[in-house]
């Protein structure tokens, strides 16, 4: 047991000495989350301001528009119209004949246009206009802050969960004498490689979980984005994602003789899987789910991001069991393949 603990301490120190590992696993995800928040924060927490509509003094349409809660009325003469538009004091101008005047296109102008069209249709039907038809909600709403852009953050968390791949690659290099001087020393001692490998998996897993925790705390308390409602099942998915990442790293490390390309392979694989999971944009995920749904079911990062979304925002665990089985299956297959590669390793001299 003391040998195992000593191996864990040694490998932990070895990883922390790697400046690139500390940056990519701990700092880079936080920087990436900050950029996502800066780019999409306003879209994730949209605020709707009242619309500013200009009308003529003593206009016959004033009493109709005043009944609509989200419209503010401003009396504007036609001589002041250009100046009011230039100063953004009004979004649109409506005359007595319900003719709409705007100086640009946008969401506010589109909403006002739809309101005016509805007023015209109501008048043609000889129905009274009291403003109530603009405030009735025909859809039962729930207290749900879901937004399609949260898919990006769940994909980010899923991708970061697999960043144990870098520690896995480093662990694999420490037991291959043709890759590093440290590995030569280890292979020339009675130390069992499987014990050293198990210690490396444990350290890599714990360090990556620590990095995940730092990112989640940053998102929750600094960016104020609350993504998790079901901690128990979310933890299971994130834990399996970390385990998958570490074992994938070990597989890359033991299956490839070119040490210079191993990290590049790890980066390429995680980025490609993240791309297909929707991290670069929700529209990619929608397209994949529509045209190649099988890809989402076998992509480990998609499995993690989909389940995190369904568990926390939809309150559904329907696909959780399938996702857990697939992730465990990946871990077992990669571990077995790594073992086969390690068994065939032999050195003429050390």
Foldseek 3Di string as FASTA:
>chain_A
DVVLVVLLVVLLVVQVVPPVNCCVQFVVLQVVVVVLCVVCVCVLPPDDAAAEEEEAPPAPCVQLQVLAPRHDYDHDDPVCVVVCQVVVVHQWYQYNVRDIGGDDDDDSSVVVVVVSVVVVVCVVVVHDRRNVVNVDDPDDDDPFSDDLSVLLVLLSLLLSLLSLLVLLLVLLLCCAVLRDVNNVVVVVDPDDSVSSNVSSLVSSLVVSVVSSVSNVCCCCPVVVDDQADDVPLLVLLSSLSNLLNNLNSNLLNLVDPDSVCSVVVSVVLSVVLSVCLANVHSVSVVVCCVPPVVSLLQRLSSLSSVCSCCCGRVVDCPCVVSSSVNSVVSSVVSNVSSVVSVVPDDDPHD
